[in-house]
Amino acid sequence: MILKDGKVLMQKRKNHHGDGEYAFPGGHLEFGESFVDCVKRETLEEAGIKIKNVKFLYLGNLTKYPGKHYVQIGMIADWQSGAPKHLEHDSGEEWGWYELDKLPKPFFGTVKWYLLAYKSGKDFFDNI
């Protein structure tokens, strides 16, 4: 979840689980990679922007999508520099900055956890 001027960066997913749902940047850890390095790398690879102040937000057990089971490490960061670019054309549409109270829907499975953790401080979610 990347914040900039009270808005968050989201993209409509395509060709993957959660097709047609709006999500934050994300991805998988590389072997030996730290959580912070992963978030910075994935954000740069997917949206072409740099981020700072990366922090843990929550841990979740995601089983919403048949055949997929992920342990979700929800992280939050602040935008540092760059304009979002559509770099992974096969996996999503254009990136956009959205106000927290005017987010596009439907949400990808983990987005509700990000929002709840951000607003309430709750940091653990077991299954959707």
N, C-alpha and C. Protein backbone atom coordinates (compact mmCIF):
# COMPACT_ATOMS: atom_id res chain seq x y z
N MET A 1 0.87 -1.17 0.00
CA MET A 1 0.00 0.00 0.00
C MET A 1 0.91 1.22 0.00
N ILE A 2 0.84 2.01 -1.06
CA ILE A 2 1.72 3.16 -1.22
C ILE A 2 0.90 4.44 -1.13
N LEU A 3 1.30 5.31 -0.23
CA LEU A 3 0.58 6.56 0.02
C LEU A 3 1.30 7.75 -0.61
N LYS A 4 0.48 8.65 -1.17
CA LYS A 4 1.00 9.92 -1.70
C LYS A 4 -0.11 10.95 -1.61
N ASP A 5 0.09 11.98 -0.83
CA ASP A 5 -0.87 13.07 -0.70
C ASP A 5 -2.27 12.57 -0.37
N GLY A 6 -2.38 11.62 0.55
CA GLY A 6 -3.67 11.09 0.97
C GLY A 6 -4.32 10.13 0.00
N LYS A 7 -3.59 9.71 -1.02
CA LYS A 7 -4.11 8.76 -2.00
C LYS A 7 -3.27 7.51 -2.01
N VAL A 8 -3.83 6.43 -2.58
CA VAL A 8 -3.10 5.17 -2.70
C VAL A 8 -3.02 4.76 -4.17
N LEU A 9 -1.97 4.02 -4.49
CA LEU A 9 -1.73 3.56 -5.86
C LEU A 9 -2.40 2.21 -6.06
N MET A 10 -3.24 2.11 -7.11
CA MET A 10 -3.94 0.86 -7.41
C MET A 10 -3.97 0.60 -8.91
N GLN A 11 -4.18 -0.67 -9.24
CA GLN A 11 -4.25 -1.11 -10.63
C GLN A 11 -5.31 -2.21 -10.73
N LYS A 12 -6.03 -2.24 -11.84
CA LYS A 12 -6.99 -3.31 -12.10
C LYS A 12 -6.21 -4.51 -12.67
N ARG A 13 -6.32 -5.65 -11.99
CA ARG A 13 -5.58 -6.85 -12.37
C ARG A 13 -6.20 -7.50 -13.60
N LYS A 14 -5.36 -8.22 -14.37
CA LYS A 14 -5.87 -9.01 -15.48
C LYS A 14 -4.96 -10.21 -15.71
N ASN A 15 -5.53 -11.28 -16.24
CA ASN A 15 -4.81 -12.50 -16.61
C ASN A 15 -4.19 -13.25 -15.44
N HIS A 16 -4.64 -13.00 -14.22
CA HIS A 16 -4.16 -13.69 -13.03
C HIS A 16 -5.34 -13.88 -12.09
N HIS A 17 -5.12 -14.61 -10.99
CA HIS A 17 -6.20 -14.70 -10.00
C HIS A 17 -6.54 -13.27 -9.56
N GLY A 18 -7.82 -13.04 -9.33
CA GLY A 18 -8.27 -11.69 -9.02
C GLY A 18 -8.47 -10.84 -10.26
N ASP A 19 -8.61 -11.48 -11.43
CA ASP A 19 -8.82 -10.75 -12.68
C ASP A 19 -10.00 -9.79 -12.54
N GLY A 20 -9.79 -8.53 -12.90
CA GLY A 20 -10.84 -7.52 -12.83
C GLY A 20 -10.96 -6.83 -11.48
N GLU A 21 -10.13 -7.23 -10.51
CA GLU A 21 -10.16 -6.63 -9.18
C GLU A 21 -9.01 -5.63 -9.03
N TYR A 22 -9.24 -4.59 -8.25
CA TYR A 22 -8.23 -3.56 -8.03
C TYR A 22 -7.32 -3.93 -6.87
N ALA A 23 -6.02 -3.72 -7.07
CA ALA A 23 -5.03 -4.12 -6.07
C ALA A 23 -3.90 -3.11 -6.00
N PHE A 24 -3.13 -3.23 -4.92
CA PHE A 24 -1.90 -2.48 -4.75
C PHE A 24 -0.77 -3.25 -5.44
N PRO A 25 0.38 -2.63 -5.64
CA PRO A 25 1.52 -3.39 -6.17
C PRO A 25 1.85 -4.54 -5.22
N GLY A 26 2.38 -5.61 -5.77
CA GLY A 26 2.73 -6.75 -4.93
C GLY A 26 3.50 -7.78 -5.73
N GLY A 27 3.88 -8.84 -5.04
CA GLY A 27 4.61 -9.89 -5.72
C GLY A 27 5.19 -10.88 -4.75
N HIS A 28 6.15 -11.64 -5.23
CA HIS A 28 6.75 -12.71 -4.45
C HIS A 28 8.16 -12.36 -4.01
N LEU A 29 8.53 -12.87 -2.85
CA LEU A 29 9.90 -12.72 -2.36
C LEU A 29 10.86 -13.54 -3.21
N GLU A 30 12.00 -12.97 -3.49
CA GLU A 30 13.11 -13.72 -4.09
C GLU A 30 13.84 -14.43 -2.95
N PHE A 31 14.53 -15.52 -3.26
CA PHE A 31 15.25 -16.25 -2.22
C PHE A 31 16.26 -15.34 -1.53
N GLY A 32 16.18 -15.28 -0.20
CA GLY A 32 17.11 -14.50 0.59
C GLY A 32 16.80 -13.01 0.67
N GLU A 33 15.74 -12.56 0.02
CA GLU A 33 15.41 -11.14 -0.03
C GLU A 33 14.67 -10.70 1.23
N SER A 34 14.95 -9.51 1.71
CA SER A 34 14.22 -8.96 2.86
C SER A 34 12.85 -8.47 2.40
N PHE A 35 11.93 -8.34 3.35
CA PHE A 35 10.59 -7.84 3.02
C PHE A 35 10.67 -6.43 2.42
N VAL A 36 11.48 -5.58 3.01
CA VAL A 36 11.60 -4.19 2.53
C VAL A 36 12.19 -4.16 1.13
N ASP A 37 13.25 -4.94 0.89
CA ASP A 37 13.84 -4.97 -0.45
C ASP A 37 12.86 -5.50 -1.48
N CYS A 38 12.06 -6.50 -1.10
CA CYS A 38 11.06 -7.06 -2.01
C CYS A 38 10.03 -6.00 -2.41
N VAL A 39 9.53 -5.27 -1.42
CA VAL A 39 8.52 -4.24 -1.70
C VAL A 39 9.08 -3.16 -2.62
N LYS A 40 10.29 -2.74 -2.36
CA LYS A 40 10.91 -1.72 -3.21
C LYS A 40 11.11 -2.24 -4.63
N ARG A 41 11.61 -3.47 -4.76
CA ARG A 41 11.86 -4.06 -6.08
C ARG A 41 10.56 -4.25 -6.85
N GLU A 42 9.56 -4.85 -6.22
CA GLU A 42 8.29 -5.13 -6.90
C GLU A 42 7.61 -3.83 -7.35
N THR A 43 7.66 -2.80 -6.52
CA THR A 43 7.06 -1.52 -6.88
C THR A 43 7.78 -0.89 -8.07
N LEU A 44 9.09 -0.95 -8.07
CA LEU A 44 9.87 -0.42 -9.19
C LEU A 44 9.60 -1.23 -10.47
N GLU A 45 9.56 -2.57 -10.37
CA GLU A 45 9.31 -3.42 -11.53
C GLU A 45 7.90 -3.25 -12.09
N GLU A 46 6.91 -3.12 -11.22
CA GLU A 46 5.52 -3.05 -11.66
C GLU A 46 5.06 -1.66 -12.06
N ALA A 47 5.53 -0.64 -11.32
CA ALA A 47 5.01 0.71 -11.54
C ALA A 47 6.08 1.75 -11.86
N GLY A 48 7.35 1.39 -11.74
CA GLY A 48 8.42 2.31 -12.10
C GLY A 48 8.60 3.46 -11.13
N ILE A 49 8.15 3.31 -9.89
CA ILE A 49 8.32 4.39 -8.91
C ILE A 49 9.19 3.92 -7.75
N LYS A 50 9.78 4.89 -7.07
CA LYS A 50 10.57 4.61 -5.87
C LYS A 50 9.73 4.95 -4.65
N ILE A 51 9.93 4.18 -3.58
CA ILE A 51 9.19 4.37 -2.35
C ILE A 51 10.16 4.49 -1.18
N LYS A 52 9.64 4.98 -0.05
CA LYS A 52 10.44 5.14 1.17
C LYS A 52 9.56 4.83 2.38
N ASN A 53 10.18 4.79 3.55
CA ASN A 53 9.46 4.55 4.81
C ASN A 53 8.64 3.27 4.76
N VAL A 54 9.21 2.21 4.26
CA VAL A 54 8.52 0.92 4.15
C VAL A 54 8.40 0.29 5.53
N LYS A 55 7.16 -0.10 5.89
CA LYS A 55 6.90 -0.67 7.21
C LYS A 55 5.92 -1.83 7.10
N PHE A 56 6.00 -2.72 8.08
CA PHE A 56 5.04 -3.82 8.20
C PHE A 56 3.67 -3.25 8.57
N LEU A 57 2.61 -3.81 7.96
CA LEU A 57 1.25 -3.39 8.28
C LEU A 57 0.42 -4.54 8.83
N TYR A 58 0.47 -5.73 8.21
CA TYR A 58 -0.31 -6.86 8.69
C TYR A 58 0.20 -8.17 8.09
N LEU A 59 -0.30 -9.27 8.65
CA LEU A 59 -0.04 -10.61 8.14
C LEU A 59 -1.39 -11.27 7.89
N GLY A 60 -1.56 -11.90 6.73
CA GLY A 60 -2.83 -12.52 6.41
C GLY A 60 -2.67 -13.87 5.75
N ASN A 61 -3.70 -14.70 5.88
CA ASN A 61 -3.74 -16.04 5.30
C ASN A 61 -4.77 -16.01 4.17
N LEU A 62 -4.31 -15.91 2.94
CA LEU A 62 -5.19 -15.71 1.78
C LEU A 62 -5.52 -17.03 1.09
N THR A 63 -6.81 -17.40 1.13
CA THR A 63 -7.27 -18.63 0.47
C THR A 63 -8.49 -18.37 -0.42
N LYS A 64 -8.76 -17.14 -0.75
CA LYS A 64 -9.96 -16.77 -1.53
C LYS A 64 -9.97 -17.35 -2.94
N TYR A 65 -8.83 -17.51 -3.55
CA TYR A 65 -8.75 -17.89 -4.95
C TYR A 65 -8.44 -19.38 -5.08
N PRO A 66 -9.36 -20.17 -5.65
CA PRO A 66 -9.16 -21.63 -5.75
C PRO A 66 -7.80 -22.00 -6.35
N GLY A 67 -7.14 -22.95 -5.70
CA GLY A 67 -5.84 -23.40 -6.16
C GLY A 67 -4.68 -22.54 -5.72
N LYS A 68 -4.94 -21.44 -5.03
CA LYS A 68 -3.90 -20.53 -4.55
C LYS A 68 -4.01 -20.41 -3.03
N HIS A 69 -2.86 -20.41 -2.37
CA HIS A 69 -2.82 -20.20 -0.92
C HIS A 69 -1.55 -19.41 -0.62
N TYR A 70 -1.76 -18.19 -0.15
CA TYR A 70 -0.63 -17.30 0.11
C TYR A 70 -0.63 -16.84 1.56
N VAL A 71 0.56 -16.69 2.11
CA VAL A 71 0.74 -15.95 3.34
C VAL A 71 1.05 -14.53 2.90
N GLN A 72 0.17 -13.62 3.20
CA GLN A 72 0.28 -12.24 2.74
C GLN A 72 0.98 -11.39 3.80
N ILE A 73 2.09 -10.79 3.43
CA ILE A 73 2.80 -9.87 4.31
C ILE A 73 2.48 -8.47 3.80
N GLY A 74 1.52 -7.84 4.44
CA GLY A 74 1.08 -6.51 4.02
C GLY A 74 2.03 -5.44 4.51
N MET A 75 2.55 -4.67 3.58
CA MET A 75 3.50 -3.61 3.90
C MET A 75 2.91 -2.27 3.44
N ILE A 76 3.37 -1.20 4.05
CA ILE A 76 2.92 0.14 3.70
C ILE A 76 4.15 1.01 3.47
N ALA A 77 4.05 1.96 2.56
CA ALA A 77 5.18 2.83 2.24
C ALA A 77 4.67 4.18 1.74
N ASP A 78 5.59 5.11 1.69
CA ASP A 78 5.30 6.43 1.12
C ASP A 78 5.96 6.53 -0.25
N TRP A 79 5.30 7.20 -1.17
CA TRP A 79 5.86 7.49 -2.49
C TRP A 79 7.10 8.37 -2.29
N GLN A 80 8.13 8.10 -3.06
CA GLN A 80 9.36 8.91 -3.01
C GLN A 80 9.55 9.69 -4.30
N SER A 81 9.50 8.99 -5.45
CA SER A 81 9.71 9.68 -6.72
C SER A 81 9.20 8.85 -7.89
N GLY A 82 8.99 9.55 -8.99
CA GLY A 82 8.57 8.90 -10.23
C GLY A 82 7.07 8.94 -10.44
N ALA A 83 6.70 8.86 -11.71
CA ALA A 83 5.28 8.78 -12.07
C ALA A 83 4.98 7.32 -12.42
N PRO A 84 3.87 6.78 -11.91
CA PRO A 84 3.56 5.38 -12.20
C PRO A 84 3.46 5.12 -13.69
N LYS A 85 4.07 4.01 -14.11
CA LYS A 85 4.03 3.58 -15.51
C LYS A 85 3.44 2.19 -15.59
N HIS A 86 2.78 1.91 -16.66
CA HIS A 86 2.19 0.59 -16.90
C HIS A 86 3.28 -0.31 -17.50
N LEU A 87 4.03 -1.01 -16.64
CA LEU A 87 5.20 -1.76 -17.09
C LEU A 87 4.94 -3.24 -17.35
N GLU A 88 3.95 -3.82 -16.70
CA GLU A 88 3.64 -5.25 -16.88
C GLU A 88 2.28 -5.36 -17.58
N HIS A 89 2.28 -5.20 -18.89
CA HIS A 89 1.06 -5.09 -19.68
C HIS A 89 0.19 -6.33 -19.64
N ASP A 90 0.78 -7.50 -19.39
CA ASP A 90 -0.01 -8.73 -19.38
C ASP A 90 -0.70 -8.98 -18.04
N SER A 91 -0.38 -8.21 -17.00
CA SER A 91 -0.94 -8.52 -15.69
C SER A 91 -1.84 -7.43 -15.10
N GLY A 92 -2.02 -6.32 -15.79
CA GLY A 92 -2.87 -5.27 -15.24
C GLY A 92 -3.05 -4.12 -16.20
N GLU A 93 -3.89 -3.18 -15.78
CA GLU A 93 -4.16 -1.99 -16.56
C GLU A 93 -3.35 -0.83 -16.01
N GLU A 94 -3.65 0.39 -16.44
CA GLU A 94 -2.91 1.57 -15.99
C GLU A 94 -3.02 1.76 -14.47
N TRP A 95 -1.95 2.28 -13.87
CA TRP A 95 -1.94 2.61 -12.45
C TRP A 95 -2.66 3.93 -12.23
N GLY A 96 -3.27 4.07 -11.06
CA GLY A 96 -3.90 5.34 -10.71
C GLY A 96 -3.80 5.61 -9.22
N TRP A 97 -3.80 6.89 -8.86
CA TRP A 97 -3.84 7.29 -7.46
C TRP A 97 -5.29 7.54 -7.08
N TYR A 98 -5.73 6.93 -5.99
CA TYR A 98 -7.14 7.01 -5.57
C TYR A 98 -7.24 7.46 -4.12
N GLU A 99 -8.24 8.32 -3.87
CA GLU A 99 -8.52 8.75 -2.50
C GLU A 99 -9.02 7.56 -1.69
N LEU A 100 -8.61 7.50 -0.42
CA LEU A 100 -8.96 6.37 0.43
C LEU A 100 -10.46 6.16 0.58
N ASP A 101 -11.23 7.22 0.51
CA ASP A 101 -12.69 7.08 0.65
C ASP A 101 -13.40 6.98 -0.71
N LYS A 102 -12.63 6.87 -1.80
CA LYS A 102 -13.22 6.76 -3.15
C LYS A 102 -12.46 5.72 -3.97
N LEU A 103 -12.19 4.56 -3.37
CA LEU A 103 -11.43 3.52 -4.06
C LEU A 103 -12.28 2.79 -5.08
N PRO A 104 -11.68 2.41 -6.21
CA PRO A 104 -12.42 1.65 -7.22
C PRO A 104 -12.69 0.23 -6.71
N LYS A 105 -13.72 -0.36 -7.21
CA LYS A 105 -14.09 -1.73 -6.83
C LYS A 105 -14.36 -2.53 -8.08
N PRO A 106 -14.31 -3.84 -8.00
CA PRO A 106 -14.15 -4.66 -6.80
C PRO A 106 -12.70 -4.72 -6.35
N PHE A 107 -12.51 -5.01 -5.05
CA PHE A 107 -11.18 -5.12 -4.46
C PHE A 107 -10.59 -6.50 -4.65
N PHE A 108 -9.28 -6.57 -4.86
CA PHE A 108 -8.54 -7.82 -4.72
C PHE A 108 -8.65 -8.26 -3.27
N GLY A 109 -8.59 -9.57 -3.03
CA GLY A 109 -8.83 -10.13 -1.72
C GLY A 109 -8.14 -9.48 -0.55
N THR A 110 -6.92 -9.00 -0.72
CA THR A 110 -6.16 -8.46 0.40
C THR A 110 -6.41 -6.98 0.68
N VAL A 111 -7.04 -6.27 -0.23
CA VAL A 111 -7.19 -4.82 -0.07
C VAL A 111 -7.98 -4.49 1.18
N LYS A 112 -9.03 -5.26 1.48
CA LYS A 112 -9.81 -4.95 2.69
C LYS A 112 -8.96 -5.09 3.95
N TRP A 113 -7.99 -6.03 3.94
CA TRP A 113 -7.09 -6.18 5.09
C TRP A 113 -6.19 -4.96 5.23
N TYR A 114 -5.64 -4.48 4.11
CA TYR A 114 -4.80 -3.28 4.16
C TYR A 114 -5.58 -2.12 4.78
N LEU A 115 -6.78 -1.92 4.30
CA LEU A 115 -7.58 -0.79 4.77
C LEU A 115 -7.94 -0.94 6.25
N LEU A 116 -8.34 -2.13 6.66
CA LEU A 116 -8.68 -2.37 8.05
C LEU A 116 -7.45 -2.19 8.95
N ALA A 117 -6.32 -2.73 8.53
CA ALA A 117 -5.09 -2.60 9.32
C ALA A 117 -4.68 -1.13 9.41
N TYR A 118 -4.76 -0.42 8.31
CA TYR A 118 -4.37 0.99 8.27
C TYR A 118 -5.25 1.84 9.20
N LYS A 119 -6.55 1.56 9.18
CA LYS A 119 -7.49 2.36 9.95
C LYS A 119 -7.61 1.93 11.42
N SER A 120 -7.43 0.65 11.71
CA SER A 120 -7.67 0.14 13.05
C SER A 120 -6.44 -0.29 13.83
N GLY A 121 -5.35 -0.57 13.12
CA GLY A 121 -4.16 -1.09 13.77
C GLY A 121 -4.15 -2.60 13.91
N LYS A 122 -5.23 -3.27 13.52
CA LYS A 122 -5.26 -4.73 13.57
C LYS A 122 -4.20 -5.26 12.60
N ASP A 123 -3.48 -6.31 13.00
CA ASP A 123 -2.36 -6.74 12.15
C ASP A 123 -2.33 -8.23 11.80
N PHE A 124 -3.45 -8.92 12.02
CA PHE A 124 -3.48 -10.36 11.68
C PHE A 124 -4.87 -10.72 11.16
N PHE A 125 -4.90 -11.42 10.02
CA PHE A 125 -6.17 -11.84 9.41
C PHE A 125 -6.04 -13.28 8.97
N ASP A 126 -7.00 -14.13 9.33
CA ASP A 126 -6.95 -15.55 9.02
C ASP A 126 -8.08 -15.90 8.06
N ASN A 127 -7.73 -16.10 6.81
CA ASN A 127 -8.63 -16.49 5.72
C ASN A 127 -9.62 -15.39 5.34
N ILE A 128 -9.97 -15.44 4.08
CA ILE A 128 -11.00 -14.53 3.57
C ILE A 128 -12.24 -15.36 3.36
